[in-house]
Amino acid sequence: MRADRLVSLVLLLRQRGRLTANTLARELEVSTRTVLRDIEVLSAAGVPVYAERGRHGGFALLPGFRTELTGLNHDETLALLTARSGRGEQVFGLRPALASAIRKVVDALPEGHLASASDAARRFLVDPETDLLSRRLVTEEVADTAMIEVRRAVLAGHKLRIHYAATDQAPQWRTVDPIGLVTVRDRGYLLATRSEDRTYRLSRVLAAEELPEAAQRPDRVDLDRVWRERSAQFLSDGDHITVLVRMDPVRREELLDTTLAVRAEEPDADGWLRLEVTFQDLRHAEWALWQLGTDAEALAPQSLRTSLRNRAAAIAARYEEAP
């Protein structure tokens, strides 16, 4: 909404001083041309914003300018509440709203508190792009337009039409009754019903449309309970395989990134870990354990041990020969 963007633009200039049009465009996630138009609108409305030319130029407000612009809109409030429990605002398309809400909160701080709070915030870094092993942390991308429609339908209690690309299937349009949204390890899911319970991966929603009809769903929902029940159902369906693994704890997160679930975990006598984990099938388990090399050992089932041994033998035989 343009009014919210204008408020965010003013707050950015108040809190950070002179900023270039490119910087403002990046912060507000719009084009430079849009920023220039917004600057003109603010000037016409009497906001004392001015341009400084030159290499270090940009836009700034006259010193001392202050106005009450700190009321939170619906999405900003939702983003703040969602952020309490993790990184849901990132997965559910609320990141711009969260940034805008934080700017308003900061602007409402007394002058004496602002400097100390800003200095303290620089002492914390949450979820950087890479971990200690320089592995880039990847969050699944969901199209903004699709996410907005999904979120609206969930909150309004309306039916939802989604263009969904299931695994190994051509994308199809489906009409569902949305129940809620869940984020797990930076993966987002839509819980819905469509003649029966359904769980959809948000990254596979190519397009979405909120429909005017009311969704058939209970007025109140315990998402935590619903998620536990669907997780248990998922693990009991299909050809999933449970594997007992002994491994170096340093590689634990790598293994967890590839599993469907962790059923049990305990320390081993020599400082390693024993985990009981679930994979999609034998091929999936073999691939995941192979990535860990000698830092992990599959103790059961025997079929997995045999397939890993045969694979290792084939590799060893290949490298016995001169190139």
Protein backbone atom coordinates (compact mmCIF):
# COMPACT_ATOMS: atom_id res chain seq x y z
CA MET A 1 0.00 0.00 0.00
CA ARG A 2 1.41 3.38 -1.01
CA ALA A 3 0.54 5.17 2.26
CA ASP A 4 2.49 2.59 4.25
CA ARG A 5 5.44 2.92 1.88
CA LEU A 6 5.48 6.71 2.28
CA VAL A 7 5.54 6.31 6.06
CA SER A 8 8.42 3.84 5.80
CA LEU A 9 10.33 6.23 3.54
CA VAL A 10 10.02 9.07 6.06
CA LEU A 11 11.06 6.81 8.94
CA LEU A 12 14.10 5.58 7.02
CA LEU A 13 15.25 9.15 6.43
CA ARG A 14 14.59 10.11 10.06
CA GLN A 15 16.53 7.19 11.50
CA ARG A 16 19.40 6.89 9.04
CA GLY A 17 19.85 10.39 7.68
CA ARG A 18 20.77 11.03 4.06
CA LEU A 19 20.10 8.07 1.75
CA THR A 20 20.39 7.66 -2.01
CA ALA A 21 17.42 6.76 -4.18
CA ASN A 22 19.01 3.37 -4.88
CA THR A 23 19.35 2.63 -1.15
CA LEU A 24 15.76 3.64 -0.48
CA ALA A 25 14.56 1.49 -3.38
CA ARG A 26 16.46 -1.50 -2.02
CA GLU A 27 15.10 -1.03 1.51
CA LEU A 28 11.52 -0.56 0.36
CA GLU A 29 11.79 -3.26 -2.33
CA VAL A 30 10.54 -0.99 -5.13
CA SER A 31 12.09 0.65 -8.19
CA THR A 32 14.17 3.83 -8.09
CA ARG A 33 11.52 5.53 -10.22
CA THR A 34 8.88 4.73 -7.58
CA VAL A 35 11.09 6.26 -4.88
CA LEU A 36 11.46 9.48 -6.88
CA ARG A 37 7.69 9.69 -7.34
CA ASP A 38 7.16 9.14 -3.61
CA ILE A 39 9.66 11.91 -2.78
CA GLU A 40 7.63 14.29 -4.97
CA VAL A 41 4.40 13.29 -3.19
CA LEU A 42 5.97 13.87 0.24
CA SER A 43 7.29 17.28 -0.80
CA ALA A 44 3.88 18.29 -2.13
CA ALA A 45 2.32 17.22 1.18
CA GLY A 46 4.65 19.51 3.13
CA VAL A 47 7.19 16.97 4.40
CA PRO A 48 10.56 18.82 4.41
CA VAL A 49 12.53 16.34 2.30
CA TYR A 50 15.28 17.76 0.09
CA ALA A 51 17.87 16.45 -2.37
CA GLU A 52 21.63 16.87 -2.02
CA ARG A 53 23.59 16.67 -5.25
CA GLY A 54 27.05 15.29 -5.83
CA ARG A 55 28.98 12.10 -5.27
CA HIS A 56 27.80 11.70 -1.67
CA GLY A 57 24.36 13.15 -2.27
CA GLY A 58 20.93 11.72 -1.65
CA PHE A 59 17.68 12.62 0.06
CA ALA A 60 17.34 13.91 3.62
CA LEU A 61 14.87 15.56 5.98
CA LEU A 62 15.39 18.97 7.53
CA PRO A 63 17.03 18.56 10.99
CA GLY A 64 14.56 18.29 13.85
CA PHE A 65 11.62 17.16 11.73
CA ARG A 66 9.37 14.77 13.64
CA THR A 67 5.80 13.60 13.21
CA GLU A 68 3.65 10.82 14.67
CA LEU A 69 3.79 8.02 12.10
CA THR A 70 4.10 5.00 14.36
CA GLY A 71 0.70 3.29 14.11
CA LEU A 72 1.10 -0.33 12.95
CA ASN A 73 -1.07 -1.63 10.11
CA HIS A 74 -2.49 -5.16 9.97
CA ASP A 75 0.43 -6.82 8.15
CA GLU A 76 3.02 -5.09 10.36
CA THR A 77 1.26 -6.29 13.51
CA LEU A 78 0.99 -9.80 12.05
CA ALA A 79 4.70 -9.78 11.15
CA LEU A 80 5.72 -8.78 14.68
CA LEU A 81 3.56 -11.49 16.24
CA THR A 82 4.82 -14.10 13.77
CA ALA A 83 8.45 -13.11 14.39
CA ARG A 84 8.11 -14.03 18.06
CA SER A 85 8.12 -17.74 17.22
CA GLY A 86 10.94 -17.95 14.66
CA ARG A 87 11.45 -16.92 11.04
CA GLY A 88 7.86 -17.30 9.87
CA GLU A 89 7.80 -13.71 8.60
CA GLN A 90 10.52 -14.72 6.11
CA VAL A 91 8.71 -17.80 4.82
CA PHE A 92 5.20 -16.31 4.80
CA GLY A 93 6.10 -13.19 2.79
CA LEU A 94 5.93 -10.77 5.73
CA ARG A 95 9.58 -9.65 5.71
CA PRO A 96 8.86 -6.17 4.26
CA ALA A 97 6.04 -5.69 6.80
CA LEU A 98 8.35 -6.71 9.64
CA ALA A 99 11.03 -4.25 8.51
CA SER A 100 8.40 -1.48 8.35
CA ALA A 101 7.06 -2.38 11.81
CA ILE A 102 10.54 -2.32 13.33
CA ARG A 103 11.17 1.12 11.84
CA LYS A 104 8.00 2.39 13.53
CA VAL A 105 8.92 0.81 16.86
CA VAL A 106 12.39 2.37 16.70
CA ASP A 107 10.92 5.77 15.82
CA ALA A 108 8.69 5.62 18.89
CA LEU A 109 11.65 5.15 21.26
CA PRO A 110 12.64 8.13 23.43
CA GLU A 111 15.71 9.91 22.10
CA GLY A 112 17.83 8.78 25.05
CA HIS A 113 16.96 5.10 24.50
CA LEU A 114 17.45 5.04 20.74
CA ALA A 115 21.25 5.31 20.74
CA SER A 116 21.75 2.67 23.46
CA ALA A 117 19.24 0.28 21.85
CA SER A 118 20.87 0.66 18.42
CA ASP A 119 24.33 0.02 19.91
CA ALA A 120 23.06 -3.06 21.78
CA ALA A 121 21.40 -4.44 18.64
CA ARG A 122 24.76 -4.38 16.85
CA ARG A 123 25.99 -6.95 19.38
CA PHE A 124 23.54 -9.58 18.11
CA LEU A 125 23.53 -11.42 14.79
CA VAL A 126 20.60 -13.74 14.10
CA ASP A 127 20.54 -16.27 11.24
CA PRO A 128 23.41 -15.05 9.03
CA GLU A 129 23.49 -16.25 5.43
CA THR A 130 26.20 -18.85 6.10
CA ASP A 131 27.10 -21.11 9.02
CA LEU A 132 30.56 -21.80 10.48
CA LEU A 133 31.33 -24.23 7.66
CA SER A 134 30.63 -21.51 5.07
CA ARG A 135 27.53 -23.36 3.89
CA ARG A 136 24.94 -20.95 2.54
CA LEU A 137 21.62 -21.24 4.32
CA VAL A 138 18.84 -21.45 1.76
CA THR A 139 15.25 -20.42 2.42
CA GLU A 140 12.70 -21.73 -0.04
CA GLU A 141 11.35 -19.00 -2.27
CA VAL A 142 7.61 -18.42 -2.69
CA ALA A 143 6.26 -15.98 -5.28
CA ASP A 144 5.13 -12.80 -3.50
CA THR A 145 1.83 -12.58 -5.39
CA ALA A 146 1.00 -16.21 -4.59
CA MET A 147 1.96 -15.82 -0.92
CA ILE A 148 -0.23 -12.75 -0.51
CA GLU A 149 -3.26 -14.63 -1.86
CA VAL A 150 -2.55 -17.69 0.30
CA ARG A 151 -2.15 -15.55 3.43
CA ARG A 152 -5.34 -13.59 2.72
CA ALA A 153 -7.40 -16.75 2.24
CA VAL A 154 -6.04 -18.31 5.45
CA LEU A 155 -6.80 -15.20 7.52
CA ALA A 156 -10.18 -14.45 5.92
CA GLY A 157 -11.39 -18.05 6.04
CA HIS A 158 -12.06 -18.19 2.30
CA LYS A 159 -11.57 -21.00 -0.18
CA LEU A 160 -8.26 -20.92 -2.05
CA ARG A 161 -7.37 -21.91 -5.60
CA ILE A 162 -3.72 -22.90 -6.05
CA HIS A 163 -1.61 -23.90 -9.05
CA TYR A 164 0.42 -26.64 -7.42
CA ALA A 165 3.43 -28.58 -8.73
CA ALA A 166 3.51 -31.87 -6.83
CA THR A 167 6.62 -34.06 -7.03
CA ASP A 168 6.94 -35.79 -10.43
CA GLN A 169 3.60 -34.38 -11.61
CA ALA A 170 2.57 -31.63 -13.98
CA PRO A 171 1.24 -28.51 -12.17
CA GLN A 172 -2.52 -28.57 -11.60
CA TRP A 173 -5.11 -26.13 -10.28
CA ARG A 174 -6.75 -27.25 -7.02
CA THR A 175 -9.40 -25.64 -4.83
CA VAL A 176 -8.81 -26.15 -1.12
CA ASP A 177 -10.11 -25.06 2.27
CA PRO A 178 -7.08 -23.49 4.04
CA ILE A 179 -6.60 -24.16 7.75
CA GLY A 180 -3.27 -22.51 8.56
CA LEU A 181 0.39 -21.96 7.70
CA VAL A 182 3.37 -23.72 9.28
CA THR A 183 7.11 -23.10 8.95
CA VAL A 184 9.63 -25.82 9.81
CA ARG A 185 13.38 -25.29 9.33
CA ASP A 186 12.74 -22.46 6.85
CA ARG A 187 10.25 -24.53 4.84
CA GLY A 188 6.69 -23.29 4.64
CA TYR A 189 3.57 -25.47 4.46
CA LEU A 190 -0.12 -24.82 3.87
CA LEU A 191 -2.43 -27.04 5.90
CA ALA A 192 -5.76 -27.46 4.13
CA THR A 193 -8.58 -29.87 3.38
CA ARG A 194 -9.72 -31.04 -0.06
CA SER A 195 -12.20 -33.84 0.53
CA GLU A 196 -9.51 -35.03 2.98
CA ASP A 197 -6.58 -33.58 4.94
CA ARG A 198 -3.86 -32.13 2.70
CA THR A 199 -0.46 -30.54 3.32
CA TYR A 200 1.08 -28.41 0.56
CA ARG A 201 4.68 -27.20 0.30
CA LEU A 202 4.52 -23.42 -0.23
CA SER A 203 7.54 -23.42 -2.54
CA ARG A 204 5.53 -25.61 -4.95
CA VAL A 205 2.62 -23.15 -5.14
CA LEU A 206 3.19 -21.45 -8.49
CA ALA A 207 0.12 -19.18 -8.32
CA ALA A 208 -2.85 -18.69 -6.03
CA GLU A 209 -6.23 -16.98 -5.96
CA GLU A 210 -8.39 -16.21 -2.93
CA LEU A 211 -12.02 -17.10 -3.68
CA PRO A 212 -15.07 -15.31 -2.21
CA GLU A 213 -16.68 -18.48 -0.85
CA ALA A 214 -16.24 -19.32 2.83
CA ALA A 215 -13.91 -22.22 3.57
CA GLN A 216 -15.27 -25.30 5.29
CA ARG A 217 -13.17 -25.39 8.44
CA PRO A 218 -13.61 -25.10 12.23
CA ASP A 219 -13.73 -21.61 13.74
CA ARG A 220 -10.81 -22.38 16.06
CA VAL A 221 -7.77 -24.56 15.38
CA ASP A 222 -4.83 -25.94 17.35
CA LEU A 223 -2.18 -25.85 14.63
CA ASP A 224 0.42 -27.53 16.83
CA ARG A 225 -1.86 -30.54 17.36
CA VAL A 226 -2.88 -30.67 13.69
CA TRP A 227 0.77 -30.56 12.60
CA ARG A 228 1.73 -33.39 15.00
CA GLU A 229 -1.12 -35.54 13.71
CA ARG A 230 -0.24 -34.95 10.06
CA SER A 231 3.44 -35.56 10.71
CA ALA A 232 2.62 -38.90 12.34
CA GLN A 233 0.36 -39.81 9.41
CA PHE A 234 3.05 -38.84 6.91
CA LEU A 235 5.65 -41.02 8.61
CA SER A 236 3.31 -44.01 8.68
CA ASP A 237 2.45 -43.80 4.96
CA GLY A 238 4.40 -45.02 1.94
CA ASP A 239 7.74 -46.83 1.74
CA HIS A 240 9.62 -44.78 4.33
CA ILE A 241 12.66 -46.41 5.87
CA THR A 242 13.92 -46.04 9.46
CA VAL A 243 17.71 -46.07 9.83
CA LEU A 244 19.91 -46.41 12.92
CA VAL A 245 22.96 -44.19 12.43
CA ARG A 246 26.14 -43.74 14.43
CA MET A 247 27.90 -40.46 13.57
CA ASP A 248 30.27 -37.65 14.48
CA PRO A 249 28.17 -34.91 16.16
CA VAL A 250 29.94 -32.27 14.07
CA ARG A 251 27.99 -33.52 11.03
CA ARG A 252 24.65 -33.82 12.84
CA GLU A 253 22.97 -30.81 11.19
CA GLU A 254 23.97 -32.04 7.73
CA LEU A 255 22.21 -35.32 8.39
CA LEU A 256 19.12 -33.62 9.81
CA ASP A 257 18.86 -31.46 6.71
CA THR A 258 18.29 -34.61 4.63
CA THR A 259 15.97 -36.64 6.89
CA LEU A 260 12.20 -36.69 7.10
CA ALA A 261 12.21 -37.09 10.88
CA VAL A 262 14.36 -37.89 13.91
CA ARG A 263 12.72 -40.56 16.05
CA ALA A 264 15.41 -40.93 18.73
CA GLU A 265 18.82 -39.55 19.64
CA GLU A 266 21.36 -40.41 22.34
CA PRO A 267 25.12 -40.06 22.92
CA ASP A 268 27.38 -43.03 22.14
CA ALA A 269 30.20 -44.18 24.42
CA ASP A 270 33.02 -42.61 22.36
CA GLY A 271 31.47 -39.15 22.00
CA TRP A 272 29.61 -39.92 18.78
CA LEU A 273 25.82 -39.89 18.47
CA ARG A 274 23.29 -42.61 17.81
CA LEU A 275 20.21 -41.47 15.94
CA GLU A 276 17.12 -43.21 14.66
CA VAL A 277 16.03 -41.29 11.58
CA THR A 278 13.50 -41.69 8.79
CA PHE A 279 14.18 -41.34 5.05
CA GLN A 280 11.88 -41.37 2.05
CA ASP A 281 13.18 -44.76 0.86
CA LEU A 282 16.36 -46.86 0.64
CA ARG A 283 17.77 -44.79 -2.24
CA HIS A 284 17.26 -41.57 -0.27
CA ALA A 285 18.98 -43.07 2.80
CA GLU A 286 21.94 -44.32 0.75
CA TRP A 287 22.44 -40.90 -0.84
CA ALA A 288 22.28 -39.07 2.52
CA LEU A 289 24.71 -41.38 4.34
CA TRP A 290 27.13 -41.36 1.39
CA GLN A 291 27.46 -37.57 1.72
CA LEU A 292 28.85 -38.00 5.25
CA GLY A 293 31.66 -40.37 4.26
CA THR A 294 33.47 -41.96 7.21
CA ASP A 295 31.88 -39.53 9.69
CA ALA A 296 28.76 -41.71 9.83
CA GLU A 297 27.92 -45.41 9.89
CA ALA A 298 24.54 -46.97 9.16
CA LEU A 299 24.03 -49.71 11.75
CA ALA A 300 20.65 -50.86 10.45
CA PRO A 301 18.96 -51.99 8.29
CA GLN A 302 21.33 -54.49 6.73
CA SER A 303 20.05 -53.69 3.24
CA LEU A 304 21.39 -50.14 3.58
CA ARG A 305 24.77 -51.34 4.88
CA THR A 306 25.01 -53.71 1.91
CA SER A 307 24.17 -51.02 -0.66
CA LEU A 308 26.71 -48.59 0.86
CA ARG A 309 29.40 -51.31 0.90
CA ASN A 310 28.72 -52.20 -2.73
CA ARG A 311 28.88 -48.55 -3.73
CA ALA A 312 32.18 -48.05 -1.88
CA ALA A 313 33.62 -51.20 -3.48
CA ALA A 314 32.67 -49.97 -6.95
CA ILE A 315 34.36 -46.61 -6.30
CA ALA A 316 37.50 -48.33 -4.94
CA ALA A 317 37.66 -50.60 -8.00
CA ARG A 318 37.34 -47.63 -10.32
CA TYR A 319 40.31 -45.86 -8.73
CA GLU A 320 42.55 -48.92 -8.66
CA GLU A 321 43.07 -48.46 -12.38
CA ALA A 322 45.48 -45.91 -13.81
CA PRO A 323 43.72 -43.00 -15.56
